[in-house]
């Protein structure tokens, strides 16, 4: 199985890629949503990723009780610098949350009946793998969003 340090290398790489995107875009453009149904701003996507980390690392693996408003994660907006500071805090918190992970053990936090039927909700290792999966997918989404936002022809909501 992958080592603790190797896992965090890939998580940090995904996060650093997303941080680079919002920093490149700056406050105004990082908060833009494309004129497409269901579009999310790069800021909102990265903010959602912090919720993903909190749920799957903090709740599922560490067993912490969390309060999460998933829909609000996507509609959040604000200054890029504040978001980047929250990413740094989340990176440190994740290291604490998963320091004593038991990959094959069930999650420490309560999982929904639906989640219990799939690996992400049936083992701590599955939860961490799913967390990385989400970060990697959203990094790609942000890369495409950035490219479109920077295009001359882009239209915004």
C-alpha atoms as a PDB file:
ATOM      1  CA  UNK A   1       0.000   0.000   0.000  1.00  0.00           C
ATOM      2  CA  UNK A   2       1.083   3.591  -0.519  1.00  0.00           C
ATOM      3  CA  UNK A   3       3.018   5.221   2.309  1.00  0.00           C
ATOM      4  CA  UNK A   4       1.654   8.085   4.396  1.00  0.00           C
ATOM      5  CA  UNK A   5       4.207  10.502   2.918  1.00  0.00           C
ATOM      6  CA  UNK A   6       3.566   9.372  -0.660  1.00  0.00           C
ATOM      7  CA  UNK A   7      -0.187   9.820  -0.212  1.00  0.00           C
ATOM      8  CA  UNK A   8       0.289  13.344   1.137  1.00  0.00           C
ATOM      9  CA  UNK A   9       2.633  14.158  -1.757  1.00  0.00           C
ATOM     10  CA  UNK A  10      -0.191  13.500  -4.238  1.00  0.00           C
ATOM     11  CA  UNK A  11      -2.809  15.312  -2.155  1.00  0.00           C
ATOM     12  CA  UNK A  12      -0.523  18.328  -1.816  1.00  0.00           C
ATOM     13  CA  UNK A  13       0.255  18.263  -5.541  1.00  0.00           C
ATOM     14  CA  UNK A  14      -3.459  18.436  -6.380  1.00  0.00           C
ATOM     15  CA  UNK A  15      -3.995  21.246  -3.875  1.00  0.00           C
ATOM     16  CA  UNK A  16      -0.962  23.209  -5.078  1.00  0.00           C
ATOM     17  CA  UNK A  17      -2.238  22.953  -8.642  1.00  0.00           C
ATOM     18  CA  UNK A  18      -5.578  24.411  -7.567  1.00  0.00           C
ATOM     19  CA  UNK A  19      -3.926  27.124  -5.463  1.00  0.00           C
ATOM     20  CA  UNK A  20      -1.810  28.131  -8.470  1.00  0.00           C
ATOM     21  CA  UNK A  21      -4.950  28.493 -10.572  1.00  0.00           C
ATOM     22  CA  UNK A  22      -6.804  30.791  -8.164  1.00  0.00           C
ATOM     23  CA  UNK A  23      -3.642  32.834  -7.593  1.00  0.00           C
ATOM     24  CA  UNK A  24      -3.099  33.186 -11.336  1.00  0.00           C
ATOM     25  CA  UNK A  25      -6.702  34.292 -11.832  1.00  0.00           C
ATOM     26  CA  UNK A  26      -6.776  36.735  -8.910  1.00  0.00           C
ATOM     27  CA  UNK A  27      -9.774  37.722  -6.820  1.00  0.00           C
ATOM     28  CA  UNK A  28     -12.132  38.852  -9.595  1.00  0.00           C
ATOM     29  CA  UNK A  29     -11.603  36.055 -12.109  1.00  0.00           C
ATOM     30  CA  UNK A  30     -11.274  33.277  -9.493  1.00  0.00           C
ATOM     31  CA  UNK A  31     -14.809  34.128  -8.364  1.00  0.00           C
ATOM     32  CA  UNK A  32     -16.327  34.083 -11.868  1.00  0.00           C
ATOM     33  CA  UNK A  33     -18.779  31.420 -12.959  1.00  0.00           C
ATOM     34  CA  UNK A  34     -19.171  30.605 -16.613  1.00  0.00           C
ATOM     35  CA  UNK A  35     -22.544  31.217 -18.259  1.00  0.00           C
ATOM     36  CA  UNK A  36     -23.421  27.513 -18.160  1.00  0.00           C
ATOM     37  CA  UNK A  37     -26.013  25.780 -16.014  1.00  0.00           C
ATOM     38  CA  UNK A  38     -24.354  24.320 -12.930  1.00  0.00           C
ATOM     39  CA  UNK A  39     -21.083  26.165 -13.490  1.00  0.00           C
ATOM     40  CA  UNK A  40     -18.897  26.768 -10.446  1.00  0.00           C
ATOM     41  CA  UNK A  41     -16.191  29.350  -9.965  1.00  0.00           C
ATOM     42  CA  UNK A  42     -12.618  28.188  -9.387  1.00  0.00           C
ATOM     43  CA  UNK A  43     -12.931  29.708  -5.900  1.00  0.00           C
ATOM     44  CA  UNK A  44     -16.069  27.650  -5.222  1.00  0.00           C
ATOM     45  CA  UNK A  45     -14.461  24.461  -6.520  1.00  0.00           C
ATOM     46  CA  UNK A  46     -11.413  24.826  -4.279  1.00  0.00           C
ATOM     47  CA  UNK A  47     -13.644  25.773  -1.353  1.00  0.00           C
ATOM     48  CA  UNK A  48     -15.629  22.564  -1.983  1.00  0.00           C
ATOM     49  CA  UNK A  49     -12.376  20.589  -1.935  1.00  0.00           C
ATOM     50  CA  UNK A  50     -11.748  21.846   1.594  1.00  0.00           C
ATOM     51  CA  UNK A  51     -15.161  20.431   2.538  1.00  0.00           C
ATOM     52  CA  UNK A  52     -14.193  17.139   0.882  1.00  0.00           C
ATOM     53  CA  UNK A  53     -11.020  16.993   2.982  1.00  0.00           C
ATOM     54  CA  UNK A  54     -12.903  17.862   6.155  1.00  0.00           C
ATOM     55  CA  UNK A  55     -15.516  15.146   5.557  1.00  0.00           C
ATOM     56  CA  UNK A  56     -13.389  12.270   4.278  1.00  0.00           C
ATOM     57  CA  UNK A  57     -10.230  12.950   6.299  1.00  0.00           C
ATOM     58  CA  UNK A  58     -11.678  14.655   9.371  1.00  0.00           C
ATOM     59  CA  UNK A  59     -14.968  12.821   9.753  1.00  0.00           C
ATOM     60  CA  UNK A  60     -14.552   9.456   8.024  1.00  0.00           C
ATOM     61  CA  UNK A  61     -10.961   8.775   9.090  1.00  0.00           C
ATOM     62  CA  UNK A  62     -10.437  10.831  12.258  1.00  0.00           C
ATOM     63  CA  UNK A  63     -14.004  10.544  13.523  1.00  0.00           C
ATOM     64  CA  UNK A  64     -14.396  14.258  14.163  1.00  0.00           C
ATOM     65  CA  UNK A  65     -17.911  15.665  14.223  1.00  0.00           C
ATOM     66  CA  UNK A  66     -18.177  18.243  11.485  1.00  0.00           C
ATOM     67  CA  UNK A  67     -20.816  20.602  10.172  1.00  0.00           C
ATOM     68  CA  UNK A  68     -20.931  20.766   6.410  1.00  0.00           C
ATOM     69  CA  UNK A  69     -23.136  22.674   3.981  1.00  0.00           C
ATOM     70  CA  UNK A  70     -22.081  21.030   0.720  1.00  0.00           C
ATOM     71  CA  UNK A  71     -24.235  23.193  -1.621  1.00  0.00           C
ATOM     72  CA  UNK A  72     -22.871  26.371  -0.016  1.00  0.00           C
ATOM     73  CA  UNK A  73     -19.298  25.208  -0.657  1.00  0.00           C
ATOM     74  CA  UNK A  74     -19.819  25.719  -4.396  1.00  0.00           C
ATOM     75  CA  UNK A  75     -21.420  29.156  -4.132  1.00  0.00           C
ATOM     76  CA  UNK A  76     -18.823  30.621  -1.768  1.00  0.00           C
ATOM     77  CA  UNK A  77     -16.736  33.559  -2.924  1.00  0.00           C
ATOM     78  CA  UNK A  78     -14.097  35.801  -1.456  1.00  0.00           C
ATOM     79  CA  UNK A  79     -10.479  36.906  -1.575  1.00  0.00           C
ATOM     80  CA  UNK A  80      -7.998  34.385  -2.964  1.00  0.00           C
ATOM     81  CA  UNK A  81      -5.466  35.037  -0.175  1.00  0.00           C
ATOM     82  CA  UNK A  82      -7.983  34.019   2.498  1.00  0.00           C
ATOM     83  CA  UNK A  83      -8.819  30.840   0.580  1.00  0.00           C
ATOM     84  CA  UNK A  84      -5.129  29.973   0.212  1.00  0.00           C
ATOM     85  CA  UNK A  85      -4.667  30.443   3.970  1.00  0.00           C
ATOM     86  CA  UNK A  86      -7.565  28.028   4.553  1.00  0.00           C
ATOM     87  CA  UNK A  87      -5.902  25.513   2.202  1.00  0.00           C
ATOM     88  CA  UNK A  88      -2.708  25.697   4.290  1.00  0.00           C
ATOM     89  CA  UNK A  89      -4.698  25.089   7.481  1.00  0.00           C
ATOM     90  CA  UNK A  90      -6.514  22.172   5.851  1.00  0.00           C
ATOM     91  CA  UNK A  91      -3.217  20.613   4.771  1.00  0.00           C
ATOM     92  CA  UNK A  92      -1.924  20.729   8.347  1.00  0.00           C
ATOM     93  CA  UNK A  93      -5.225  19.448   9.737  1.00  0.00           C
ATOM     94  CA  UNK A  94      -5.262  16.546   7.277  1.00  0.00           C
ATOM     95  CA  UNK A  95      -1.860  15.406   8.515  1.00  0.00           C
ATOM     96  CA  UNK A  96      -3.255  15.292  12.049  1.00  0.00           C
ATOM     97  CA  UNK A  97      -6.511  13.655  10.959  1.00  0.00           C
ATOM     98  CA  UNK A  98      -4.883  10.759   9.152  1.00  0.00           C
ATOM     99  CA  UNK A  99      -1.800  10.263  11.333  1.00  0.00           C
ATOM    100  CA  UNK A 100      -3.234   7.072  12.838  1.00  0.00           C
ATOM    101  CA  UNK A 101      -5.229   5.841   9.850  1.00  0.00           C
ATOM    102  CA  UNK A 102      -6.100   2.155   9.829  1.00  0.00           C
ATOM    103  CA  UNK A 103      -6.557   1.520   6.108  1.00  0.00           C
ATOM    104  CA  UNK A 104      -8.666  -1.627   6.372  1.00  0.00           C
ATOM    105  CA  UNK A 105     -10.684  -0.535   9.414  1.00  0.00           C
ATOM    106  CA  UNK A 106     -14.176   0.913   9.054  1.00  0.00           C
ATOM    107  CA  UNK A 107     -14.530   4.694   9.092  1.00  0.00           C
ATOM    108  CA  UNK A 108     -14.517   6.255  12.553  1.00  0.00           C
ATOM    109  CA  UNK A 109     -17.240   8.701  11.557  1.00  0.00           C
ATOM    110  CA  UNK A 110     -20.815   7.694  10.789  1.00  0.00           C
ATOM    111  CA  UNK A 111     -21.410   6.958   7.110  1.00  0.00           C
ATOM    112  CA  UNK A 112     -24.720   7.012   5.257  1.00  0.00           C
ATOM    113  CA  UNK A 113     -26.245   3.701   4.208  1.00  0.00           C
ATOM    114  CA  UNK A 114     -25.387   4.555   0.597  1.00  0.00           C
ATOM    115  CA  UNK A 115     -21.736   5.302   1.441  1.00  0.00           C
ATOM    116  CA  UNK A 116     -21.393   2.077   3.421  1.00  0.00           C
ATOM    117  CA  UNK A 117     -22.072   0.128   0.206  1.00  0.00           C
ATOM    118  CA  UNK A 118     -18.925   1.407  -1.541  1.00  0.00           C
ATOM    119  CA  UNK A 119     -15.238   1.416  -0.541  1.00  0.00           C
ATOM    120  CA  UNK A 120     -15.191   5.145   0.263  1.00  0.00           C
ATOM    121  CA  UNK A 121     -17.604   4.582   3.112  1.00  0.00           C
ATOM    122  CA  UNK A 122     -16.611   1.113   4.208  1.00  0.00           C
ATOM    123  CA  UNK A 123     -12.934   1.590   5.080  1.00  0.00           C
ATOM    124  CA  UNK A 124     -10.620   4.386   6.129  1.00  0.00           C
ATOM    125  CA  UNK A 125      -8.321   3.609   3.208  1.00  0.00           C
ATOM    126  CA  UNK A 126     -11.286   3.787   0.843  1.00  0.00           C
ATOM    127  CA  UNK A 127     -12.235   7.171   2.305  1.00  0.00           C
ATOM    128  CA  UNK A 128      -8.736   8.524   1.707  1.00  0.00           C
ATOM    129  CA  UNK A 129      -8.585   7.149  -1.815  1.00  0.00           C
ATOM    130  CA  UNK A 130     -11.944   8.772  -2.558  1.00  0.00           C
ATOM    131  CA  UNK A 131     -10.759  12.059  -1.104  1.00  0.00           C
ATOM    132  CA  UNK A 132      -7.779  12.096  -3.453  1.00  0.00           C
ATOM    133  CA  UNK A 133     -10.028  11.075  -6.351  1.00  0.00           C
ATOM    134  CA  UNK A 134     -12.203  14.131  -5.703  1.00  0.00           C
ATOM    135  CA  UNK A 135      -9.218  16.482  -5.433  1.00  0.00           C
ATOM    136  CA  UNK A 136      -7.743  15.194  -8.701  1.00  0.00           C
ATOM    137  CA  UNK A 137     -11.064  15.482 -10.549  1.00  0.00           C
ATOM    138  CA  UNK A 138     -11.675  18.998  -9.299  1.00  0.00           C
ATOM    139  CA  UNK A 139      -8.139  20.064 -10.199  1.00  0.00           C
ATOM    140  CA  UNK A 140      -8.883  19.069 -13.780  1.00  0.00           C
ATOM    141  CA  UNK A 141     -12.194  20.918 -13.657  1.00  0.00           C
ATOM    142  CA  UNK A 142     -10.400  24.017 -12.419  1.00  0.00           C
ATOM    143  CA  UNK A 143      -7.771  23.767 -15.181  1.00  0.00           C
ATOM    144  CA  UNK A 144     -10.498  23.744 -17.832  1.00  0.00           C
ATOM    145  CA  UNK A 145     -12.412  26.531 -16.063  1.00  0.00           C
ATOM    146  CA  UNK A 146      -9.267  28.666 -15.923  1.00  0.00           C
ATOM    147  CA  UNK A 147      -8.589  28.159 -19.617  1.00  0.00           C
ATOM    148  CA  UNK A 148     -12.121  29.210 -20.526  1.00  0.00           C
ATOM    149  CA  UNK A 149     -12.172  32.160 -18.097  1.00  0.00           C
ATOM    150  CA  UNK A 150      -8.983  33.476 -19.696  1.00  0.00           C
ATOM    151  CA  UNK A 151     -10.368  33.077 -23.238  1.00  0.00           C
ATOM    152  CA  UNK A 152     -11.469  36.229 -25.063  1.00  0.00           C
ATOM    153  CA  UNK A 153     -14.788  34.657 -26.008  1.00  0.00           C
ATOM    154  CA  UNK A 154     -15.821  33.551 -22.478  1.00  0.00           C
ATOM    155  CA  UNK A 155     -19.244  34.548 -21.176  1.00  0.00           C
ATOM    156  CA  UNK A 156     -19.968  34.753 -17.452  1.00  0.00           C
ATOM    157  CA  UNK A 157     -23.028  34.314 -15.268  1.00  0.00           C
END
